[in-house]
PDB file of N, CA and C in Angstrom:
ATOM      1  N   MET A   1      85.043 -30.365 -72.273  1.00  0.00           N
ATOM      2  CA  MET A   1      86.315 -30.824 -72.802  1.00  0.00           C
ATOM      3  C   MET A   1      86.318 -30.678 -74.321  1.00  0.00           C
ATOM      4  N   THR A   2      87.473 -30.340 -74.836  1.00  0.00           N
ATOM      5  CA  THR A   2      87.670 -30.230 -76.269  1.00  0.00           C
ATOM      6  C   THR A   2      88.718 -31.247 -76.681  1.00  0.00           C
ATOM      7  N   GLU A   3      88.489 -31.911 -77.779  1.00  0.00           N
ATOM      8  CA  GLU A   3      89.449 -32.875 -78.285  1.00  0.00           C
ATOM      9  C   GLU A   3      90.068 -32.313 -79.559  1.00  0.00           C
ATOM     10  N   ILE A   4      91.397 -32.318 -79.614  1.00  0.00           N
ATOM     11  CA  ILE A   4      92.081 -31.778 -80.786  1.00  0.00           C
ATOM     12  C   ILE A   4      93.020 -32.813 -81.388  1.00  0.00           C
ATOM     13  N   ALA A   5      93.235 -32.705 -82.692  1.00  0.00           N
ATOM     14  CA  ALA A   5      94.145 -33.601 -83.409  1.00  0.00           C
ATOM     15  C   ALA A   5      95.561 -33.040 -83.333  1.00  0.00           C
ATOM     16  N   LEU A   6      96.528 -33.908 -83.009  1.00  0.00           N
ATOM     17  CA  LEU A   6      97.927 -33.487 -82.922  1.00  0.00           C
ATOM     18  C   LEU A   6      98.760 -33.942 -84.110  1.00  0.00           C
ATOM     19  N   GLY A   7      98.385 -35.041 -84.739  1.00  0.00           N
ATOM     20  CA  GLY A   7      99.173 -35.570 -85.850  1.00  0.00           C
ATOM     21  C   GLY A   7      99.176 -37.085 -85.817  1.00  0.00           C
ATOM     22  N   PRO A   8      99.882 -37.689 -86.768  1.00  0.00           N
ATOM     23  CA  PRO A   8      99.914 -39.155 -86.856  1.00  0.00           C
ATOM     24  C   PRO A   8     100.695 -39.799 -85.707  1.00  0.00           C
ATOM     25  N   VAL A   9     100.121 -40.829 -85.135  1.00  0.00           N
ATOM     26  CA  VAL A   9     100.782 -41.543 -84.041  1.00  0.00           C
ATOM     27  C   VAL A   9     102.092 -42.165 -84.515  1.00  0.00           C
ATOM     28  N   ASP A  10     102.187 -42.537 -85.778  1.00  0.00           N
ATOM     29  CA  ASP A  10     103.403 -43.170 -86.296  1.00  0.00           C
ATOM     30  C   ASP A  10     104.607 -42.239 -86.314  1.00  0.00           C
ATOM     31  N   GLU A  11     104.388 -40.938 -86.110  1.00  0.00           N
ATOM     32  CA  GLU A  11     105.512 -40.005 -86.042  1.00  0.00           C
ATOM     33  C   GLU A  11     106.237 -40.057 -84.704  1.00  0.00           C
ATOM     34  N   ILE A  12     105.660 -40.794 -83.743  1.00  0.00           N
ATOM     35  CA  ILE A  12     106.332 -41.001 -82.459  1.00  0.00           C
ATOM     36  C   ILE A  12     106.749 -42.466 -82.400  1.00  0.00           C
ATOM     37  N   PRO A  13     108.041 -42.766 -82.497  1.00  0.00           N
ATOM     38  CA  PRO A  13     108.480 -44.163 -82.401  1.00  0.00           C
ATOM     39  C   PRO A  13     108.108 -44.772 -81.049  1.00  0.00           C
ATOM     40  N   LEU A  14     107.902 -46.077 -81.034  1.00  0.00           N
ATOM     41  CA  LEU A  14     107.622 -46.771 -79.774  1.00  0.00           C
ATOM     42  C   LEU A  14     108.731 -46.482 -78.767  1.00  0.00           C
ATOM     43  N   GLY A  15     108.338 -46.191 -77.537  1.00  0.00           N
ATOM     44  CA  GLY A  15     109.304 -45.922 -76.478  1.00  0.00           C
ATOM     45  C   GLY A  15     109.821 -44.496 -76.447  1.00  0.00           C
ATOM     46  N   GLU A  16     109.248 -43.605 -77.272  1.00  0.00           N
ATOM     47  CA  GLU A  16     109.707 -42.216 -77.310  1.00  0.00           C
ATOM     48  C   GLU A  16     108.556 -41.258 -77.084  1.00  0.00           C
ATOM     49  N   ALA A  17     108.868 -39.966 -77.105  1.00  0.00           N
ATOM     50  CA  ALA A  17     107.866 -38.922 -76.882  1.00  0.00           C
ATOM     51  C   ALA A  17     108.144 -37.745 -77.802  1.00  0.00           C
ATOM     52  N   ARG A  18     107.124 -36.937 -77.992  1.00  0.00           N
ATOM     53  CA  ARG A  18     107.251 -35.692 -78.761  1.00  0.00           C
ATOM     54  C   ARG A  18     106.486 -34.608 -78.020  1.00  0.00           C
ATOM     55  N   ALA A  19     106.984 -33.382 -78.103  1.00  0.00           N
ATOM     56  CA  ALA A  19     106.291 -32.234 -77.523  1.00  0.00           C
ATOM     57  C   ALA A  19     105.495 -31.529 -78.613  1.00  0.00           C
ATOM     58  N   PHE A  20     104.297 -31.112 -78.267  1.00  0.00           N
ATOM     59  CA  PHE A  20     103.412 -30.390 -79.175  1.00  0.00           C
ATOM     60  C   PHE A  20     103.015 -29.074 -78.523  1.00  0.00           C
ATOM     61  N   ALA A  21     102.974 -28.004 -79.323  1.00  0.00           N
ATOM     62  CA  ALA A  21     102.470 -26.718 -78.844  1.00  0.00           C
ATOM     63  C   ALA A  21     100.956 -26.735 -79.004  1.00  0.00           C
ATOM     64  N   VAL A  22     100.260 -26.550 -77.901  1.00  0.00           N
ATOM     65  CA  VAL A  22      98.801 -26.511 -77.904  1.00  0.00           C
ATOM     66  C   VAL A  22      98.397 -25.220 -77.206  1.00  0.00           C
ATOM     67  N   GLU A  23      97.962 -24.237 -78.017  1.00  0.00           N
ATOM     68  CA  GLU A  23      97.649 -22.909 -77.489  1.00  0.00           C
ATOM     69  C   GLU A  23      98.867 -22.356 -76.759  1.00  0.00           C
ATOM     70  N   ASP A  24      98.734 -22.050 -75.471  1.00  0.00           N
ATOM     71  CA  ASP A  24      99.821 -21.423 -74.714  1.00  0.00           C
ATOM     72  C   ASP A  24     100.614 -22.425 -73.881  1.00  0.00           C
ATOM     73  N   ARG A  25     100.488 -23.700 -74.194  1.00  0.00           N
ATOM     74  CA  ARG A  25     101.181 -24.716 -73.405  1.00  0.00           C
ATOM     75  C   ARG A  25     101.905 -25.700 -74.312  1.00  0.00           C
ATOM     76  N   GLN A  26     102.850 -26.410 -73.726  1.00  0.00           N
ATOM     77  CA  GLN A  26     103.537 -27.502 -74.395  1.00  0.00           C
ATOM     78  C   GLN A  26     103.053 -28.802 -73.754  1.00  0.00           C
ATOM     79  N   VAL A  27     102.702 -29.769 -74.591  1.00  0.00           N
ATOM     80  CA  VAL A  27     102.226 -31.063 -74.113  1.00  0.00           C
ATOM     81  C   VAL A  27     103.137 -32.146 -74.683  1.00  0.00           C
ATOM     82  N   ALA A  28     103.640 -33.017 -73.816  1.00  0.00           N
ATOM     83  CA  ALA A  28     104.463 -34.146 -74.238  1.00  0.00           C
ATOM     84  C   ALA A  28     103.569 -35.370 -74.392  1.00  0.00           C
ATOM     85  N   VAL A  29     103.626 -35.999 -75.559  1.00  0.00           N
ATOM     86  CA  VAL A  29     102.885 -37.237 -75.804  1.00  0.00           C
ATOM     87  C   VAL A  29     103.898 -38.368 -75.843  1.00  0.00           C
ATOM     88  N   PHE A  30     103.694 -39.355 -74.989  1.00  0.00           N
ATOM     89  CA  PHE A  30     104.571 -40.512 -74.865  1.00  0.00           C
ATOM     90  C   PHE A  30     103.900 -41.705 -75.530  1.00  0.00           C
ATOM     91  N   ARG A  31     104.630 -42.388 -76.397  1.00  0.00           N
ATOM     92  CA  ARG A  31     104.141 -43.635 -76.998  1.00  0.00           C
ATOM     93  C   ARG A  31     104.960 -44.761 -76.375  1.00  0.00           C
ATOM     94  N   LEU A  32     104.348 -45.438 -75.428  1.00  0.00           N
ATOM     95  CA  LEU A  32     105.052 -46.481 -74.693  1.00  0.00           C
ATOM     96  C   LEU A  32     105.351 -47.679 -75.593  1.00  0.00           C
ATOM     97  N   ARG A  33     106.237 -48.525 -75.136  1.00  0.00           N
ATOM     98  CA  ARG A  33     106.663 -49.676 -75.950  1.00  0.00           C
ATOM     99  C   ARG A  33     105.518 -50.611 -76.319  1.00  0.00           C
ATOM    100  N   ASP A  34     104.460 -50.625 -75.506  1.00  0.00           N
ATOM    101  CA  ASP A  34     103.301 -51.464 -75.827  1.00  0.00           C
ATOM    102  C   ASP A  34     102.286 -50.728 -76.709  1.00  0.00           C
ATOM    103  N   GLY A  35     102.619 -49.496 -77.114  1.00  0.00           N
ATOM    104  CA  GLY A  35     101.734 -48.719 -77.977  1.00  0.00           C
ATOM    105  C   GLY A  35     100.790 -47.787 -77.239  1.00  0.00           C
ATOM    106  N   THR A  36     100.717 -47.917 -75.909  1.00  0.00           N
ATOM    107  CA  THR A  36      99.868 -47.047 -75.105  1.00  0.00           C
ATOM    108  C   THR A  36     100.350 -45.607 -75.218  1.00  0.00           C
ATOM    109  N   LEU A  37      99.408 -44.673 -75.275  1.00  0.00           N
ATOM    110  CA  LEU A  37      99.739 -43.248 -75.295  1.00  0.00           C
ATOM    111  C   LEU A  37      99.470 -42.635 -73.927  1.00  0.00           C
ATOM    112  N   ARG A  38     100.342 -41.734 -73.516  1.00  0.00           N
ATOM    113  CA  ARG A  38     100.175 -40.929 -72.311  1.00  0.00           C
ATOM    114  C   ARG A  38     100.552 -39.499 -72.675  1.00  0.00           C
ATOM    115  N   ALA A  39      99.970 -38.524 -71.983  1.00  0.00           N
ATOM    116  CA  ALA A  39     100.288 -37.120 -72.251  1.00  0.00           C
ATOM    117  C   ALA A  39     100.359 -36.339 -70.943  1.00  0.00           C
ATOM    118  N   LEU A  40     101.411 -35.520 -70.833  1.00  0.00           N
ATOM    119  CA  LEU A  40     101.646 -34.666 -69.668  1.00  0.00           C
ATOM    120  C   LEU A  40     102.075 -33.287 -70.139  1.00  0.00           C
ATOM    121  N   ASP A  41     102.013 -32.307 -69.225  1.00  0.00           N
ATOM    122  CA  ASP A  41     102.682 -31.045 -69.522  1.00  0.00           C
ATOM    123  C   ASP A  41     104.113 -31.373 -69.921  1.00  0.00           C
ATOM    124  N   ALA A  42     104.629 -30.676 -70.914  1.00  0.00           N
ATOM    125  CA  ALA A  42     105.957 -30.996 -71.429  1.00  0.00           C
ATOM    126  C   ALA A  42     107.088 -30.340 -70.656  1.00  0.00           C
ATOM    127  N   VAL A  43     106.763 -29.431 -69.746  1.00  0.00           N
ATOM    128  CA  VAL A  43     107.783 -28.679 -69.032  1.00  0.00           C
ATOM    129  C   VAL A  43     107.773 -29.053 -67.553  1.00  0.00           C
ATOM    130  N   CYS A  44     108.905 -29.512 -67.070  1.00  0.00           N
ATOM    131  CA  CYS A  44     109.035 -29.863 -65.654  1.00  0.00           C
ATOM    132  C   CYS A  44     108.904 -28.594 -64.812  1.00  0.00           C
ATOM    133  N   PRO A  45     108.041 -28.605 -63.793  1.00  0.00           N
ATOM    134  CA  PRO A  45     107.863 -27.402 -62.977  1.00  0.00           C
ATOM    135  C   PRO A  45     109.068 -27.070 -62.089  1.00  0.00           C
ATOM    136  N   HIS A  46     109.983 -28.003 -61.931  1.00  0.00           N
ATOM    137  CA  HIS A  46     111.136 -27.751 -61.069  1.00  0.00           C
ATOM    138  C   HIS A  46     112.066 -26.695 -61.670  1.00  0.00           C
ATOM    139  N   ARG A  47     112.566 -26.937 -62.882  1.00  0.00           N
ATOM    140  CA  ARG A  47     113.488 -25.999 -63.527  1.00  0.00           C
ATOM    141  C   ARG A  47     113.271 -25.904 -65.036  1.00  0.00           C
ATOM    142  N   GLY A  48     112.079 -26.304 -65.488  1.00  0.00           N
ATOM    143  CA  GLY A  48     111.750 -26.139 -66.902  1.00  0.00           C
ATOM    144  C   GLY A  48     112.323 -27.184 -67.829  1.00  0.00           C
ATOM    145  N   GLY A  49     112.702 -28.323 -67.298  1.00  0.00           N
ATOM    146  CA  GLY A  49     113.271 -29.379 -68.132  1.00  0.00           C
ATOM    147  C   GLY A  49     112.260 -29.928 -69.130  1.00  0.00           C
ATOM    148  N   PRO A  50     112.737 -30.382 -70.296  1.00  0.00           N
ATOM    149  CA  PRO A  50     111.863 -30.921 -71.343  1.00  0.00           C
ATOM    150  C   PRO A  50     111.484 -32.379 -71.065  1.00  0.00           C
ATOM    151  N   LEU A  51     110.299 -32.613 -70.540  1.00  0.00           N
ATOM    152  CA  LEU A  51     109.916 -33.977 -70.171  1.00  0.00           C
ATOM    153  C   LEU A  51     109.860 -34.921 -71.368  1.00  0.00           C
ATOM    154  N   ALA A  52     109.596 -34.426 -72.564  1.00  0.00           N
ATOM    155  CA  ALA A  52     109.574 -35.296 -73.747  1.00  0.00           C
ATOM    156  C   ALA A  52     110.948 -35.898 -74.024  1.00  0.00           C
ATOM    157  N   ASP A  53     112.000 -35.273 -73.501  1.00  0.00           N
ATOM    158  CA  ASP A  53     113.367 -35.792 -73.673  1.00  0.00           C
ATOM    159  C   ASP A  53     113.792 -36.678 -72.508  1.00  0.00           C
ATOM    160  N   GLY A  54     112.907 -36.877 -71.532  1.00  0.00           N
ATOM    161  CA  GLY A  54     113.243 -37.676 -70.365  1.00  0.00           C
ATOM    162  C   GLY A  54     113.185 -39.165 -70.639  1.00  0.00           C
ATOM    163  N   LEU A  55     113.677 -39.930 -69.693  1.00  0.00           N
ATOM    164  CA  LEU A  55     113.608 -41.389 -69.769  1.00  0.00           C
ATOM    165  C   LEU A  55     112.231 -41.829 -69.286  1.00  0.00           C
ATOM    166  N   ALA A  56     111.545 -42.616 -70.098  1.00  0.00           N
ATOM    167  CA  ALA A  56     110.208 -43.082 -69.731  1.00  0.00           C
ATOM    168  C   ALA A  56     110.152 -44.597 -69.793  1.00  0.00           C
ATOM    169  N   ASP A  57     109.439 -45.172 -68.831  1.00  0.00           N
ATOM    170  CA  ASP A  57     109.117 -46.594 -68.903  1.00  0.00           C
ATOM    171  C   ASP A  57     107.598 -46.683 -68.929  1.00  0.00           C
ATOM    172  N   GLY A  58     107.046 -47.776 -68.566  1.00  0.00           N
ATOM    173  CA  GLY A  58     105.594 -47.926 -68.614  1.00  0.00           C
ATOM    174  C   GLY A  58     104.826 -47.148 -67.570  1.00  0.00           C
ATOM    175  N   ARG A  59     105.511 -46.651 -66.556  1.00  0.00           N
ATOM    176  CA  ARG A  59     104.846 -45.970 -65.438  1.00  0.00           C
ATOM    177  C   ARG A  59     105.235 -44.520 -65.240  1.00  0.00           C
ATOM    178  N   VAL A  60     106.516 -44.195 -65.426  1.00  0.00           N
ATOM    179  CA  VAL A  60     107.018 -42.869 -65.066  1.00  0.00           C
ATOM    180  C   VAL A  60     107.901 -42.281 -66.154  1.00  0.00           C
ATOM    181  N   VAL A  61     108.103 -40.967 -66.052  1.00  0.00           N
ATOM    182  CA  VAL A  61     109.108 -40.273 -66.861  1.00  0.00           C
ATOM    183  C   VAL A  61     110.041 -39.563 -65.890  1.00  0.00           C
ATOM    184  N   ILE A  62     111.337 -39.561 -66.217  1.00  0.00           N
ATOM    185  CA  ILE A  62     112.354 -38.907 -65.400  1.00  0.00           C
ATOM    186  C   ILE A  62     112.849 -37.682 -66.149  1.00  0.00           C
ATOM    187  N   CYS A  63     112.725 -36.522 -65.537  1.00  0.00           N
ATOM    188  CA  CYS A  63     113.179 -35.277 -66.162  1.00  0.00           C
ATOM    189  C   CYS A  63     114.683 -35.369 -66.438  1.00  0.00           C
ATOM    190  N   PRO A  64     115.112 -34.968 -67.637  1.00  0.00           N
ATOM    191  CA  PRO A  64     116.531 -35.091 -67.979  1.00  0.00           C
ATOM    192  C   PRO A  64     117.444 -34.082 -67.264  1.00  0.00           C
ATOM    193  N   LEU A  65     116.881 -33.052 -66.654  1.00  0.00           N
ATOM    194  CA  LEU A  65     117.742 -32.052 -66.004  1.00  0.00           C
ATOM    195  C   LEU A  65     118.134 -32.421 -64.588  1.00  0.00           C
ATOM    196  N   HIS A  66     117.163 -32.747 -63.741  1.00  0.00           N
ATOM    197  CA  HIS A  66     117.457 -32.978 -62.328  1.00  0.00           C
ATOM    198  C   HIS A  66     116.806 -34.234 -61.774  1.00  0.00           C
ATOM    199  N   SER A  67     116.386 -35.124 -62.660  1.00  0.00           N
ATOM    200  CA  SER A  67     115.863 -36.442 -62.286  1.00  0.00           C
ATOM    201  C   SER A  67     114.581 -36.415 -61.465  1.00  0.00           C
ATOM    202  N   TYR A  68     113.776 -35.363 -61.609  1.00  0.00           N
ATOM    203  CA  TYR A  68     112.452 -35.397 -60.998  1.00  0.00           C
ATOM    204  C   TYR A  68     111.630 -36.446 -61.739  1.00  0.00           C
ATOM    205  N   VAL A  69     110.794 -37.182 -61.009  1.00  0.00           N
ATOM    206  CA  VAL A  69     110.058 -38.317 -61.564  1.00  0.00           C
ATOM    207  C   VAL A  69     108.561 -38.036 -61.492  1.00  0.00           C
ATOM    208  N   TYR A  70     107.850 -38.294 -62.621  1.00  0.00           N
ATOM    209  CA  TYR A  70     106.412 -38.055 -62.696  1.00  0.00           C
ATOM    210  C   TYR A  70     105.693 -39.297 -63.202  1.00  0.00           C
ATOM    211  N   ASP A  71     104.559 -39.586 -62.594  1.00  0.00           N
ATOM    212  CA  ASP A  71     103.716 -40.695 -63.011  1.00  0.00           C
ATOM    213  C   ASP A  71     103.080 -40.348 -64.353  1.00  0.00           C
ATOM    214  N   LEU A  72     103.229 -41.220 -65.340  1.00  0.00           N
ATOM    215  CA  LEU A  72     102.704 -40.939 -66.679  1.00  0.00           C
ATOM    216  C   LEU A  72     101.183 -40.948 -66.746  1.00  0.00           C
ATOM    217  N   ALA A  73     100.529 -41.665 -65.859  1.00  0.00           N
ATOM    218  CA  ALA A  73      99.065 -41.733 -65.887  1.00  0.00           C
ATOM    219  C   ALA A  73      98.409 -40.572 -65.152  1.00  0.00           C
ATOM    220  N   THR A  74      99.050 -40.101 -64.069  1.00  0.00           N
ATOM    221  CA  THR A  74      98.415 -39.088 -63.221  1.00  0.00           C
ATOM    222  C   THR A  74      99.109 -37.726 -63.228  1.00  0.00           C
ATOM    223  N   GLY A  75     100.389 -37.694 -63.593  1.00  0.00           N
ATOM    224  CA  GLY A  75     101.166 -36.464 -63.521  1.00  0.00           C
ATOM    225  C   GLY A  75     101.726 -36.178 -62.138  1.00  0.00           C
ATOM    226  N   CYS A  76     101.407 -37.021 -61.159  1.00  0.00           N
ATOM    227  CA  CYS A  76     101.881 -36.810 -59.792  1.00  0.00           C
ATOM    228  C   CYS A  76     103.389 -37.003 -59.696  1.00  0.00           C
ATOM    229  N   ALA A  77     104.011 -36.199 -58.840  1.00  0.00           N
ATOM    230  CA  ALA A  77     105.439 -36.353 -58.575  1.00  0.00           C
ATOM    231  C   ALA A  77     105.659 -37.650 -57.798  1.00  0.00           C
ATOM    232  N   VAL A  78     106.705 -38.372 -58.157  1.00  0.00           N
ATOM    233  CA  VAL A  78     107.046 -39.646 -57.524  1.00  0.00           C
ATOM    234  C   VAL A  78     108.486 -39.530 -57.015  1.00  0.00           C
ATOM    235  N   ALA A  79     108.714 -39.889 -55.771  1.00  0.00           N
ATOM    236  CA  ALA A  79     110.060 -39.918 -55.195  1.00  0.00           C
ATOM    237  C   ALA A  79     110.693 -38.535 -55.110  1.00  0.00           C
ATOM    238  N   ASN A  80     109.902 -37.488 -55.129  1.00  0.00           N
ATOM    239  CA  ASN A  80     110.395 -36.132 -54.915  1.00  0.00           C
ATOM    240  C   ASN A  80     109.220 -35.287 -54.432  1.00  0.00           C
ATOM    241  N   ASP A  81     109.529 -34.127 -53.900  1.00  0.00           N
ATOM    242  CA  ASP A  81     108.493 -33.275 -53.322  1.00  0.00           C
ATOM    243  C   ASP A  81     107.970 -32.223 -54.284  1.00  0.00           C
ATOM    244  N   GLY A  82     108.273 -32.359 -55.559  1.00  0.00           N
ATOM    245  CA  GLY A  82     107.857 -31.353 -56.534  1.00  0.00           C
ATOM    246  C   GLY A  82     106.363 -31.380 -56.793  1.00  0.00           C
ATOM    247  N   PRO A  83     105.870 -30.310 -57.400  1.00  0.00           N
ATOM    248  CA  PRO A  83     104.450 -30.265 -57.762  1.00  0.00           C
ATOM    249  C   PRO A  83     104.152 -31.218 -58.915  1.00  0.00           C
ATOM    250  N   ALA A  84     102.908 -31.575 -59.032  1.00  0.00           N
ATOM    251  CA  ALA A  84     102.474 -32.437 -60.137  1.00  0.00           C
ATOM    252  C   ALA A  84     102.456 -31.644 -61.443  1.00  0.00           C
ATOM    253  N   VAL A  85     102.451 -32.370 -62.555  1.00  0.00           N
ATOM    254  CA  VAL A  85     102.198 -31.782 -63.866  1.00  0.00           C
ATOM    255  C   VAL A  85     100.820 -32.257 -64.309  1.00  0.00           C
ATOM    256  N   THR A  86     100.216 -31.535 -65.223  1.00  0.00           N
ATOM    257  CA  THR A  86      98.896 -31.925 -65.715  1.00  0.00           C
ATOM    258  C   THR A  86      99.009 -33.147 -66.604  1.00  0.00           C
ATOM    259  N   ALA A  87      98.149 -34.131 -66.359  1.00  0.00           N
ATOM    260  CA  ALA A  87      98.029 -35.294 -67.236  1.00  0.00           C
ATOM    261  C   ALA A  87      96.793 -35.092 -68.101  1.00  0.00           C
ATOM    262  N   TYR A  88      96.884 -35.463 -69.364  1.00  0.00           N
ATOM    263  CA  TYR A  88      95.797 -35.280 -70.323  1.00  0.00           C
ATOM    264  C   TYR A  88      95.315 -36.630 -70.842  1.00  0.00           C
ATOM    265  N   ALA A  89      94.030 -36.712 -71.145  1.00  0.00           N
ATOM    266  CA  ALA A  89      93.503 -37.895 -71.824  1.00  0.00           C
ATOM    267  C   ALA A  89      93.972 -37.822 -73.272  1.00  0.00           C
ATOM    268  N   VAL A  90      94.494 -38.919 -73.772  1.00  0.00           N
ATOM    269  CA  VAL A  90      95.013 -38.959 -75.137  1.00  0.00           C
ATOM    270  C   VAL A  90      94.715 -40.332 -75.730  1.00  0.00           C
ATOM    271  N   ARG A  91      94.484 -40.360 -77.034  1.00  0.00           N
ATOM    272  CA  ARG A  91      94.212 -41.623 -77.721  1.00  0.00           C
ATOM    273  C   ARG A  91      94.591 -41.480 -79.184  1.00  0.00           C
ATOM    274  N   ALA A  92      94.678 -42.607 -79.865  1.00  0.00           N
ATOM    275  CA  ALA A  92      94.824 -42.611 -81.318  1.00  0.00           C
ATOM    276  C   ALA A  92      93.500 -43.094 -81.888  1.00  0.00           C
ATOM    277  N   ASP A  93      92.963 -42.359 -82.845  1.00  0.00           N
ATOM    278  CA  ASP A  93      91.698 -42.795 -83.435  1.00  0.00           C
ATOM    279  C   ASP A  93      91.954 -43.857 -84.502  1.00  0.00           C
ATOM    280  N   ASP A  94      90.904 -44.302 -85.168  1.00  0.00           N
ATOM    281  CA  ASP A  94      91.013 -45.418 -86.114  1.00  0.00           C
ATOM    282  C   ASP A  94      91.961 -45.152 -87.272  1.00  0.00           C
ATOM    283  N   ASP A  95      92.130 -43.879 -87.663  1.00  0.00           N
ATOM    284  CA  ASP A  95      93.048 -43.588 -88.767  1.00  0.00           C
ATOM    285  C   ASP A  95      94.459 -43.265 -88.279  1.00  0.00           C
ATOM    286  N   GLY A  96      94.728 -43.439 -86.971  1.00  0.00           N
ATOM    287  CA  GLY A  96      96.062 -43.242 -86.429  1.00  0.00           C
ATOM    288  C   GLY A  96      96.380 -41.816 -86.030  1.00  0.00           C
ATOM    289  N   THR A  97      95.383 -40.953 -85.941  1.00  0.00           N
ATOM    290  CA  THR A  97      95.594 -39.570 -85.521  1.00  0.00           C
ATOM    291  C   THR A  97      95.555 -39.482 -84.001  1.00  0.00           C
ATOM    292  N   ILE A  98      96.540 -38.798 -83.420  1.00  0.00           N
ATOM    293  CA  ILE A  98      96.568 -38.583 -81.981  1.00  0.00           C
ATOM    294  C   ILE A  98      95.517 -37.537 -81.633  1.00  0.00           C
ATOM    295  N   ARG A  99      94.663 -37.858 -80.665  1.00  0.00           N
ATOM    296  CA  ARG A  99      93.619 -36.943 -80.180  1.00  0.00           C
ATOM    297  C   ARG A  99      93.873 -36.652 -78.710  1.00  0.00           C
ATOM    298  N   LEU A 100      93.974 -35.369 -78.378  1.00  0.00           N
ATOM    299  CA  LEU A 100      94.244 -34.920 -77.019  1.00  0.00           C
ATOM    300  C   LEU A 100      93.034 -34.180 -76.489  1.00  0.00           C
ATOM    301  N   ARG A 101      92.648 -34.475 -75.245  1.00  0.00           N
ATOM    302  CA  ARG A 101      91.538 -33.761 -74.602  1.00  0.00           C
ATOM    303  C   ARG A 101      92.091 -32.668 -73.710  1.00  0.00           C
ATOM    304  N   VAL A 102      91.569 -31.468 -73.906  1.00  0.00           N
ATOM    305  CA  VAL A 102      91.947 -30.336 -73.064  1.00  0.00           C
ATOM    306  C   VAL A 102      90.684 -29.676 -72.541  1.00  0.00           C
ATOM    307  N   ARG A 103      90.810 -29.029 -71.404  1.00  0.00           N
ATOM    308  CA  ARG A 103      89.664 -28.311 -70.838  1.00  0.00           C
ATOM    309  C   ARG A 103      89.457 -27.018 -71.597  1.00  0.00           C
ATOM    310  N   GLY A 104      88.195 -26.680 -71.774  1.00  0.00           N
ATOM    311  CA  GLY A 104      87.872 -25.418 -72.436  1.00  0.00           C
ATOM    312  C   GLY A 104      87.983 -25.506 -73.935  1.00  0.00           C
ATOM    313  N   ARG A 105      87.745 -24.396 -74.558  1.00  0.00           N
ATOM    314  CA  ARG A 105      87.767 -24.298 -76.011  1.00  0.00           C
ATOM    315  C   ARG A 105      89.179 -23.968 -76.480  1.00  0.00           C
ATOM    316  N   VAL A 106      89.640 -24.683 -77.482  1.00  0.00           N
ATOM    317  CA  VAL A 106      90.950 -24.437 -78.056  1.00  0.00           C
ATOM    318  C   VAL A 106      90.741 -23.814 -79.420  1.00  0.00           C
ATOM    319  N   SER A 107      91.239 -22.609 -79.600  1.00  0.00           N
ATOM    320  CA  SER A 107      91.115 -21.951 -80.901  1.00  0.00           C
ATOM    321  C   SER A 107      92.437 -22.050 -81.630  1.00  0.00           C
ATOM    322  N   GLY A 108      92.392 -22.450 -82.856  1.00  0.00           N
ATOM    323  CA  GLY A 108      93.609 -22.524 -83.641  1.00  0.00           C
ATOM    324  C   GLY A 108      94.360 -23.829 -83.513  1.00  0.00           C
ATOM    325  N   GLY A 109      94.032 -24.644 -82.513  1.00  0.00           N
ATOM    326  CA  GLY A 109      94.607 -25.979 -82.392  1.00  0.00           C
ATOM    327  C   GLY A 109      96.092 -25.989 -82.117  1.00  0.00           C
ATOM    328  N   VAL A 110      96.795 -26.849 -82.825  1.00  0.00           N
ATOM    329  CA  VAL A 110      98.207 -27.123 -82.587  1.00  0.00           C
ATOM    330  C   VAL A 110      99.063 -26.116 -83.318  1.00  0.00           C
ATOM    331  N   GLY A 111     100.113 -25.654 -82.637  1.00  0.00           N
ATOM    332  CA  GLY A 111     101.028 -24.691 -83.247  1.00  0.00           C
ATOM    333  C   GLY A 111     102.322 -25.321 -83.638  1.00  0.00           C
TER     334      GLY A 111
END
């Protein structure tokens, strides 16, 4: 596993999300109202909806295009038959930098 820095956690308001380009993928980082961070693939596999723009609560995110629902901790589809999205380990370090774990070596980091 490789851990990469995405940026300051304070750039994501509580209860919102931001999408980050990481190599050839988009990753949505959610900062829940309690400050917990979650990270999923940013693109809904159903029709390419932007999950970072979806409605999120403490457990799930709802895709803004067709209301597909994904578990924020696991990436599993909830209440629909769609495929899962990848869930990533994410944390904020002591200086407030978001750190994302990805499989394999990441060259060049965040785009």
